[in-house]
Amino acid sequence: MNSGEVATIIQDAVMTILTVSLPLLGVGLVVGLIISVLQATTQINEQTIVFVAKILSVFSALILFGPWMLTRLQEFTLRVYGYILTLLR
């Protein structure tokens, strides 16, 4: 295994991590921003509102995007197994 193959595996891993985590992080970011704007306009500074809203929205996004995320992780795992098989030959 040369450095090019290692770089390819690392690049594939990083792209998979970013692809899988993006939906949950994006939902958390958008909900946090919306709640922060609402709190700023109403001058309600209760931190539990943001916490509960983010938890519920991220959990809902996990239910919605979970099958897609699992498919991406399975595809990555199969690619890694393929890399291992090429090493053993």
PDB file of N, CA and C in Angstrom:
ATOM      1  N   MET A   1       0.854  -1.170   0.000  1.00  0.00           N
ATOM      2  CA  MET A   1       0.000   0.000   0.000  1.00  0.00           C
ATOM      3  C   MET A   1       0.900   1.233   0.000  1.00  0.00           C
ATOM      4  N   ASN A   2       0.676   2.089  -0.963  1.00  0.00           N
ATOM      5  CA  ASN A   2       1.479   3.307  -1.040  1.00  0.00           C
ATOM      6  C   ASN A   2       0.722   4.489  -0.433  1.00  0.00           C
ATOM      7  N   SER A   3       1.378   5.631  -0.416  1.00  0.00           N
ATOM      8  CA  SER A   3       0.780   6.804   0.226  1.00  0.00           C
ATOM      9  C   SER A   3      -0.443   7.313  -0.533  1.00  0.00           C
ATOM     10  N   GLY A   4      -0.500   7.083  -1.833  1.00  0.00           N
ATOM     11  CA  GLY A   4      -1.667   7.497  -2.607  1.00  0.00           C
ATOM     12  C   GLY A   4      -2.927   6.750  -2.211  1.00  0.00           C
ATOM     13  N   GLU A   5      -2.780   5.457  -1.966  1.00  0.00           N
ATOM     14  CA  GLU A   5      -3.934   4.660  -1.538  1.00  0.00           C
ATOM     15  C   GLU A   5      -4.392   5.059  -0.141  1.00  0.00           C
ATOM     16  N   VAL A   6      -3.434   5.339   0.736  1.00  0.00           N
ATOM     17  CA  VAL A   6      -3.785   5.781   2.086  1.00  0.00           C
ATOM     18  C   VAL A   6      -4.516   7.118   2.034  1.00  0.00           C
ATOM     19  N   ALA A   7      -4.025   8.014   1.199  1.00  0.00           N
ATOM     20  CA  ALA A   7      -4.680   9.321   1.058  1.00  0.00           C
ATOM     21  C   ALA A   7      -6.099   9.168   0.516  1.00  0.00           C
ATOM     22  N   THR A   8      -6.299   8.226  -0.403  1.00  0.00           N
ATOM     23  CA  THR A   8      -7.632   7.979  -0.943  1.00  0.00           C
ATOM     24  C   THR A   8      -8.576   7.470   0.133  1.00  0.00           C
ATOM     25  N   ILE A   9      -8.095   6.561   0.970  1.00  0.00           N
ATOM     26  CA  ILE A   9      -8.925   6.020   2.051  1.00  0.00           C
ATOM     27  C   ILE A   9      -9.266   7.114   3.057  1.00  0.00           C
ATOM     28  N   ILE A  10      -8.304   7.930   3.411  1.00  0.00           N
ATOM     29  CA  ILE A  10      -8.544   9.019   4.370  1.00  0.00           C
ATOM     30  C   ILE A  10      -9.512  10.036   3.779  1.00  0.00           C
ATOM     31  N   GLN A  11      -9.344  10.367   2.517  1.00  0.00           N
ATOM     32  CA  GLN A  11     -10.252  11.316   1.860  1.00  0.00           C
ATOM     33  C   GLN A  11     -11.670  10.766   1.822  1.00  0.00           C
ATOM     34  N   ASP A  12     -11.808   9.472   1.533  1.00  0.00           N
ATOM     35  CA  ASP A  12     -13.123   8.837   1.512  1.00  0.00           C
ATOM     36  C   ASP A  12     -13.755   8.869   2.907  1.00  0.00           C
ATOM     37  N   ALA A  13     -12.952   8.622   3.934  1.00  0.00           N
ATOM     38  CA  ALA A  13     -13.471   8.640   5.310  1.00  0.00           C
ATOM     39  C   ALA A  13     -13.936  10.034   5.712  1.00  0.00           C
ATOM     40  N   VAL A  14     -13.139  11.051   5.390  1.00  0.00           N
ATOM     41  CA  VAL A  14     -13.506  12.426   5.749  1.00  0.00           C
ATOM     42  C   VAL A  14     -14.769  12.865   5.008  1.00  0.00           C
ATOM     43  N   MET A  15     -14.859  12.543   3.731  1.00  0.00           N
ATOM     44  CA  MET A  15     -16.049  12.918   2.968  1.00  0.00           C
ATOM     45  C   MET A  15     -17.296  12.192   3.488  1.00  0.00           C
ATOM     46  N   THR A  16     -17.139  10.940   3.894  1.00  0.00           N
ATOM     47  CA  THR A  16     -18.271  10.203   4.455  1.00  0.00           C
ATOM     48  C   THR A  16     -18.710  10.828   5.775  1.00  0.00           C
ATOM     49  N   ILE A  17     -17.757  11.189   6.621  1.00  0.00           N
ATOM     50  CA  ILE A  17     -18.092  11.823   7.902  1.00  0.00           C
ATOM     51  C   ILE A  17     -18.841  13.136   7.668  1.00  0.00           C
ATOM     52  N   LEU A  18     -18.339  13.951   6.758  1.00  0.00           N
ATOM     53  CA  LEU A  18     -18.999  15.232   6.480  1.00  0.00           C
ATOM     54  C   LEU A  18     -20.391  15.032   5.887  1.00  0.00           C
ATOM     55  N   THR A  19     -20.515  14.081   4.982  1.00  0.00           N
ATOM     56  CA  THR A  19     -21.804  13.834   4.333  1.00  0.00           C
ATOM     57  C   THR A  19     -22.840  13.331   5.331  1.00  0.00           C
ATOM     58  N   VAL A  20     -22.426  12.450   6.218  1.00  0.00           N
ATOM     59  CA  VAL A  20     -23.369  11.857   7.169  1.00  0.00           C
ATOM     60  C   VAL A  20     -23.750  12.846   8.272  1.00  0.00           C
ATOM     61  N   SER A  21     -22.806  13.675   8.705  1.00  0.00           N
ATOM     62  CA  SER A  21     -23.101  14.578   9.818  1.00  0.00           C
ATOM     63  C   SER A  21     -23.779  15.871   9.388  1.00  0.00           C
ATOM     64  N   LEU A  22     -23.701  16.220   8.117  1.00  0.00           N
ATOM     65  CA  LEU A  22     -24.235  17.503   7.654  1.00  0.00           C
ATOM     66  C   LEU A  22     -25.733  17.694   7.896  1.00  0.00           C
ATOM     67  N   PRO A  23     -26.597  16.719   7.644  1.00  0.00           N
ATOM     68  CA  PRO A  23     -28.029  16.968   7.867  1.00  0.00           C
ATOM     69  C   PRO A  23     -28.360  17.298   9.329  1.00  0.00           C
ATOM     70  N   LEU A  24     -27.790  16.563  10.265  1.00  0.00           N
ATOM     71  CA  LEU A  24     -28.093  16.818  11.677  1.00  0.00           C
ATOM     72  C   LEU A  24     -27.518  18.153  12.144  1.00  0.00           C
ATOM     73  N   LEU A  25     -26.289  18.445  11.736  1.00  0.00           N
ATOM     74  CA  LEU A  25     -25.692  19.721  12.122  1.00  0.00           C
ATOM     75  C   LEU A  25     -26.423  20.899  11.495  1.00  0.00           C
ATOM     76  N   GLY A  26     -26.850  20.731  10.249  1.00  0.00           N
ATOM     77  CA  GLY A  26     -27.585  21.806   9.571  1.00  0.00           C
ATOM     78  C   GLY A  26     -28.918  22.093  10.232  1.00  0.00           C
ATOM     79  N   VAL A  27     -29.640  21.036  10.589  1.00  0.00           N
ATOM     80  CA  VAL A  27     -30.930  21.224  11.271  1.00  0.00           C
ATOM     81  C   VAL A  27     -30.719  21.897  12.620  1.00  0.00           C
ATOM     82  N   GLY A  28     -29.720  21.450  13.365  1.00  0.00           N
ATOM     83  CA  GLY A  28     -29.437  22.075  14.666  1.00  0.00           C
ATOM     84  C   GLY A  28     -29.058  23.536  14.532  1.00  0.00           C
ATOM     85  N   LEU A  29     -28.284  23.848  13.502  1.00  0.00           N
ATOM     86  CA  LEU A  29     -27.878  25.232  13.266  1.00  0.00           C
ATOM     87  C   LEU A  29     -29.068  26.114  12.910  1.00  0.00           C
ATOM     88  N   VAL A  30     -29.905  25.654  12.003  1.00  0.00           N
ATOM     89  CA  VAL A  30     -31.059  26.450  11.564  1.00  0.00           C
ATOM     90  C   VAL A  30     -32.042  26.654  12.715  1.00  0.00           C
ATOM     91  N   VAL A  31     -32.342  25.599  13.459  1.00  0.00           N
ATOM     92  CA  VAL A  31     -33.278  25.726  14.585  1.00  0.00           C
ATOM     93  C   VAL A  31     -32.698  26.647  15.661  1.00  0.00           C
ATOM     94  N   GLY A  32     -31.419  26.506  15.947  1.00  0.00           N
ATOM     95  CA  GLY A  32     -30.790  27.387  16.927  1.00  0.00           C
ATOM     96  C   GLY A  32     -30.835  28.845  16.512  1.00  0.00           C
ATOM     97  N   LEU A  33     -30.604  29.085  15.229  1.00  0.00           N
ATOM     98  CA  LEU A  33     -30.656  30.457  14.723  1.00  0.00           C
ATOM     99  C   LEU A  33     -32.058  31.036  14.794  1.00  0.00           C
ATOM    100  N   ILE A  34     -33.049  30.248  14.415  1.00  0.00           N
ATOM    101  CA  ILE A  34     -34.441  30.721  14.460  1.00  0.00           C
ATOM    102  C   ILE A  34     -34.863  31.018  15.896  1.00  0.00           C
ATOM    103  N   ILE A  35     -34.555  30.113  16.810  1.00  0.00           N
ATOM    104  CA  ILE A  35     -34.927  30.323  18.214  1.00  0.00           C
ATOM    105  C   ILE A  35     -34.188  31.529  18.788  1.00  0.00           C
ATOM    106  N   SER A  36     -32.925  31.710  18.407  1.00  0.00           N
ATOM    107  CA  SER A  36     -32.169  32.869  18.902  1.00  0.00           C
ATOM    108  C   SER A  36     -32.766  34.176  18.411  1.00  0.00           C
ATOM    109  N   VAL A  37     -33.196  34.207  17.160  1.00  0.00           N
ATOM    110  CA  VAL A  37     -33.825  35.426  16.625  1.00  0.00           C
ATOM    111  C   VAL A  37     -35.145  35.690  17.351  1.00  0.00           C
ATOM    112  N   LEU A  38     -35.930  34.636  17.568  1.00  0.00           N
ATOM    113  CA  LEU A  38     -37.182  34.811  18.305  1.00  0.00           C
ATOM    114  C   LEU A  38     -36.937  35.284  19.737  1.00  0.00           C
ATOM    115  N   GLN A  39     -35.921  34.746  20.375  1.00  0.00           N
ATOM    116  CA  GLN A  39     -35.608  35.190  21.738  1.00  0.00           C
ATOM    117  C   GLN A  39     -35.129  36.633  21.762  1.00  0.00           C
ATOM    118  N   ALA A  40     -34.373  37.013  20.737  1.00  0.00           N
ATOM    119  CA  ALA A  40     -33.890  38.395  20.694  1.00  0.00           C
ATOM    120  C   ALA A  40     -35.032  39.379  20.463  1.00  0.00           C
ATOM    121  N   THR A  41     -35.998  38.990  19.657  1.00  0.00           N
ATOM    122  CA  THR A  41     -37.103  39.907  19.396  1.00  0.00           C
ATOM    123  C   THR A  41     -38.067  39.997  20.578  1.00  0.00           C
ATOM    124  N   THR A  42     -38.248  38.895  21.299  1.00  0.00           N
ATOM    125  CA  THR A  42     -39.175  38.904  22.433  1.00  0.00           C
ATOM    126  C   THR A  42     -38.471  39.166  23.762  1.00  0.00           C
ATOM    127  N   GLN A  43     -37.157  39.224  23.758  1.00  0.00           N
ATOM    128  CA  GLN A  43     -36.329  39.448  24.947  1.00  0.00           C
ATOM    129  C   GLN A  43     -36.562  38.392  26.021  1.00  0.00           C
ATOM    130  N   ILE A  44     -36.807  37.180  25.590  1.00  0.00           N
ATOM    131  CA  ILE A  44     -36.878  36.038  26.503  1.00  0.00           C
ATOM    132  C   ILE A  44     -35.533  35.335  26.422  1.00  0.00           C
ATOM    133  N   ASN A  45     -34.801  35.301  27.526  1.00  0.00           N
ATOM    134  CA  ASN A  45     -33.463  34.719  27.522  1.00  0.00           C
ATOM    135  C   ASN A  45     -33.412  33.415  28.299  1.00  0.00           C
ATOM    136  N   GLU A  46     -34.307  32.529  28.009  1.00  0.00           N
ATOM    137  CA  GLU A  46     -34.345  31.230  28.668  1.00  0.00           C
ATOM    138  C   GLU A  46     -33.559  30.220  27.823  1.00  0.00           C
ATOM    139  N   GLN A  47     -32.496  29.652  28.383  1.00  0.00           N
ATOM    140  CA  GLN A  47     -31.631  28.754  27.630  1.00  0.00           C
ATOM    141  C   GLN A  47     -32.250  27.375  27.394  1.00  0.00           C
ATOM    142  N   THR A  48     -33.195  26.974  28.233  1.00  0.00           N
ATOM    143  CA  THR A  48     -33.790  25.650  28.050  1.00  0.00           C
ATOM    144  C   THR A  48     -34.660  25.590  26.797  1.00  0.00           C
ATOM    145  N   ILE A  49     -35.173  26.725  26.356  1.00  0.00           N
ATOM    146  CA  ILE A  49     -35.977  26.749  25.136  1.00  0.00           C
ATOM    147  C   ILE A  49     -35.116  26.325  23.945  1.00  0.00           C
ATOM    148  N   VAL A  50     -33.917  26.890  23.854  1.00  0.00           N
ATOM    149  CA  VAL A  50     -33.007  26.543  22.761  1.00  0.00           C
ATOM    150  C   VAL A  50     -32.604  25.082  22.867  1.00  0.00           C
ATOM    151  N   PHE A  51     -32.282  24.643  24.073  1.00  0.00           N
ATOM    152  CA  PHE A  51     -31.827  23.270  24.273  1.00  0.00           C
ATOM    153  C   PHE A  51     -32.889  22.258  23.871  1.00  0.00           C
ATOM    154  N   VAL A  52     -34.094  22.446  24.353  1.00  0.00           N
ATOM    155  CA  VAL A  52     -35.175  21.502  24.052  1.00  0.00           C
ATOM    156  C   VAL A  52     -35.523  21.534  22.563  1.00  0.00           C
ATOM    157  N   ALA A  53     -35.568  22.707  21.984  1.00  0.00           N
ATOM    158  CA  ALA A  53     -35.894  22.811  20.553  1.00  0.00           C
ATOM    159  C   ALA A  53     -34.838  22.122  19.700  1.00  0.00           C
ATOM    160  N   LYS A  54     -33.564  22.306  20.041  1.00  0.00           N
ATOM    161  CA  LYS A  54     -32.505  21.660  19.276  1.00  0.00           C
ATOM    162  C   LYS A  54     -32.545  20.143  19.436  1.00  0.00           C
ATOM    163  N   ILE A  55     -32.746  19.679  20.651  1.00  0.00           N
ATOM    164  CA  ILE A  55     -32.799  18.235  20.887  1.00  0.00           C
ATOM    165  C   ILE A  55     -33.946  17.609  20.093  1.00  0.00           C
ATOM    166  N   LEU A  56     -35.115  18.211  20.156  1.00  0.00           N
ATOM    167  CA  LEU A  56     -36.261  17.660  19.427  1.00  0.00           C
ATOM    168  C   LEU A  56     -36.063  17.712  17.913  1.00  0.00           C
ATOM    169  N   SER A  57     -35.494  18.797  17.422  1.00  0.00           N
ATOM    170  CA  SER A  57     -35.302  18.914  15.975  1.00  0.00           C
ATOM    171  C   SER A  57     -34.216  17.964  15.475  1.00  0.00           C
ATOM    172  N   VAL A  58     -33.144  17.809  16.224  1.00  0.00           N
ATOM    173  CA  VAL A  58     -32.087  16.885  15.803  1.00  0.00           C
ATOM    174  C   VAL A  58     -32.587  15.447  15.881  1.00  0.00           C
ATOM    175  N   PHE A  59     -33.369  15.130  16.890  1.00  0.00           N
ATOM    176  CA  PHE A  59     -33.942  13.782  16.981  1.00  0.00           C
ATOM    177  C   PHE A  59     -34.898  13.522  15.814  1.00  0.00           C
ATOM    178  N   SER A  60     -35.701  14.512  15.465  1.00  0.00           N
ATOM    179  CA  SER A  60     -36.602  14.367  14.310  1.00  0.00           C
ATOM    180  C   SER A  60     -35.817  14.209  13.014  1.00  0.00           C
ATOM    181  N   ALA A  61     -34.741  14.972  12.876  1.00  0.00           N
ATOM    182  CA  ALA A  61     -33.902  14.851  11.683  1.00  0.00           C
ATOM    183  C   ALA A  61     -33.219  13.489  11.635  1.00  0.00           C
ATOM    184  N   LEU A  62     -32.855  12.960  12.796  1.00  0.00           N
ATOM    185  CA  LEU A  62     -32.247  11.629  12.836  1.00  0.00           C
ATOM    186  C   LEU A  62     -33.236  10.562  12.378  1.00  0.00           C
ATOM    187  N   ILE A  63     -34.481  10.705  12.781  1.00  0.00           N
ATOM    188  CA  ILE A  63     -35.510   9.767  12.320  1.00  0.00           C
ATOM    189  C   ILE A  63     -35.726   9.911  10.818  1.00  0.00           C
ATOM    190  N   LEU A  64     -35.738  11.150  10.326  1.00  0.00           N
ATOM    191  CA  LEU A  64     -35.971  11.402   8.909  1.00  0.00           C
ATOM    192  C   LEU A  64     -34.785  10.974   8.044  1.00  0.00           C
ATOM    193  N   PHE A  65     -33.575  11.358   8.435  1.00  0.00           N
ATOM    194  CA  PHE A  65     -32.392  11.092   7.627  1.00  0.00           C
ATOM    195  C   PHE A  65     -31.655   9.814   8.025  1.00  0.00           C
ATOM    196  N   GLY A  66     -32.105   9.134   9.069  1.00  0.00           N
ATOM    197  CA  GLY A  66     -31.426   7.945   9.569  1.00  0.00           C
ATOM    198  C   GLY A  66     -31.203   6.856   8.530  1.00  0.00           C
ATOM    199  N   PRO A  67     -32.232   6.460   7.786  1.00  0.00           N
ATOM    200  CA  PRO A  67     -32.007   5.416   6.778  1.00  0.00           C
ATOM    201  C   PRO A  67     -30.986   5.823   5.712  1.00  0.00           C
ATOM    202  N   TRP A  68     -31.039   7.069   5.279  1.00  0.00           N
ATOM    203  CA  TRP A  68     -30.078   7.558   4.296  1.00  0.00           C
ATOM    204  C   TRP A  68     -28.665   7.552   4.874  1.00  0.00           C
ATOM    205  N   MET A  69     -28.525   7.987   6.134  1.00  0.00           N
ATOM    206  CA  MET A  69     -27.217   8.005   6.778  1.00  0.00           C
ATOM    207  C   MET A  69     -26.669   6.587   6.940  1.00  0.00           C
ATOM    208  N   LEU A  70     -27.528   5.665   7.318  1.00  0.00           N
ATOM    209  CA  LEU A  70     -27.111   4.281   7.487  1.00  0.00           C
ATOM    210  C   LEU A  70     -26.660   3.682   6.160  1.00  0.00           C
ATOM    211  N   THR A  71     -27.342   4.007   5.087  1.00  0.00           N
ATOM    212  CA  THR A  71     -26.938   3.523   3.767  1.00  0.00           C
ATOM    213  C   THR A  71     -25.558   4.044   3.391  1.00  0.00           C
ATOM    214  N   ARG A  72     -25.311   5.331   3.643  1.00  0.00           N
ATOM    215  CA  ARG A  72     -23.991   5.909   3.340  1.00  0.00           C
ATOM    216  C   ARG A  72     -22.896   5.229   4.161  1.00  0.00           C
ATOM    217  N   LEU A  73     -23.168   4.958   5.431  1.00  0.00           N
ATOM    218  CA  LEU A  73     -22.173   4.301   6.279  1.00  0.00           C
ATOM    219  C   LEU A  73     -21.943   2.854   5.845  1.00  0.00           C
ATOM    220  N   GLN A  74     -22.984   2.178   5.411  1.00  0.00           N
ATOM    221  CA  GLN A  74     -22.814   0.812   4.908  1.00  0.00           C
ATOM    222  C   GLN A  74     -21.985   0.800   3.631  1.00  0.00           C
ATOM    223  N   GLU A  75     -22.232   1.741   2.748  1.00  0.00           N
ATOM    224  CA  GLU A  75     -21.449   1.832   1.515  1.00  0.00           C
ATOM    225  C   GLU A  75     -19.985   2.104   1.824  1.00  0.00           C
ATOM    226  N   PHE A  76     -19.722   2.980   2.787  1.00  0.00           N
ATOM    227  CA  PHE A  76     -18.344   3.263   3.175  1.00  0.00           C
ATOM    228  C   PHE A  76     -17.681   2.021   3.761  1.00  0.00           C
ATOM    229  N   THR A  77     -18.407   1.300   4.599  1.00  0.00           N
ATOM    230  CA  THR A  77     -17.851   0.091   5.203  1.00  0.00           C
ATOM    231  C   THR A  77     -17.502  -0.942   4.137  1.00  0.00           C
ATOM    232  N   LEU A  78     -18.362  -1.089   3.159  1.00  0.00           N
ATOM    233  CA  LEU A  78     -18.067  -2.027   2.072  1.00  0.00           C
ATOM    234  C   LEU A  78     -16.845  -1.581   1.270  1.00  0.00           C
ATOM    235  N   ARG A  79     -16.694  -0.270   1.065  1.00  0.00           N
ATOM    236  CA  ARG A  79     -15.500   0.219   0.366  1.00  0.00           C
ATOM    237  C   ARG A  79     -14.243  -0.061   1.169  1.00  0.00           C
ATOM    238  N   VAL A  80     -14.308   0.109   2.495  1.00  0.00           N
ATOM    239  CA  VAL A  80     -13.141  -0.169   3.339  1.00  0.00           C
ATOM    240  C   VAL A  80     -12.807  -1.654   3.297  1.00  0.00           C
ATOM    241  N   TYR A  81     -13.818  -2.509   3.328  1.00  0.00           N
ATOM    242  CA  TYR A  81     -13.571  -3.944   3.200  1.00  0.00           C
ATOM    243  C   TYR A  81     -12.922  -4.256   1.847  1.00  0.00           C
ATOM    244  N   GLY A  82     -13.342  -3.564   0.820  1.00  0.00           N
ATOM    245  CA  GLY A  82     -12.714  -3.734  -0.486  1.00  0.00           C
ATOM    246  C   GLY A  82     -11.251  -3.335  -0.475  1.00  0.00           C
ATOM    247  N   TYR A  83     -10.935  -2.226   0.220  1.00  0.00           N
ATOM    248  CA  TYR A  83      -9.533  -1.809   0.348  1.00  0.00           C
ATOM    249  C   TYR A  83      -8.726  -2.871   1.089  1.00  0.00           C
ATOM    250  N   ILE A  84      -9.316  -3.463   2.120  1.00  0.00           N
ATOM    251  CA  ILE A  84      -8.622  -4.489   2.895  1.00  0.00           C
ATOM    252  C   ILE A  84      -8.372  -5.717   2.023  1.00  0.00           C
ATOM    253  N   LEU A  85      -9.358  -6.082   1.221  1.00  0.00           N
ATOM    254  CA  LEU A  85      -9.202  -7.254   0.352  1.00  0.00           C
ATOM    255  C   LEU A  85      -8.084  -7.027  -0.680  1.00  0.00           C
ATOM    256  N   THR A  86      -7.967  -5.815  -1.196  1.00  0.00           N
ATOM    257  CA  THR A  86      -6.901  -5.546  -2.149  1.00  0.00           C
ATOM    258  C   THR A  86      -5.531  -5.581  -1.470  1.00  0.00           C
ATOM    259  N   LEU A  87      -5.477  -5.275  -0.188  1.00  0.00           N
ATOM    260  CA  LEU A  87      -4.214  -5.357   0.541  1.00  0.00           C
ATOM    261  C   LEU A  87      -3.771  -6.798   0.731  1.00  0.00           C
ATOM    262  N   LEU A  88      -4.726  -7.699   0.948  1.00  0.00           N
ATOM    263  CA  LEU A  88      -4.399  -9.086   1.224  1.00  0.00           C
ATOM    264  C   LEU A  88      -3.994  -9.849  -0.020  1.00  0.00           C
ATOM    265  N   ARG A  89      -4.289  -9.329  -1.182  1.00  0.00           N
ATOM    266  CA  ARG A  89      -3.938 -10.026  -2.432  1.00  0.00           C
ATOM    267  C   ARG A  89      -2.549  -9.735  -2.859  1.00  0.00           C
TER     268      ARG A  89
END
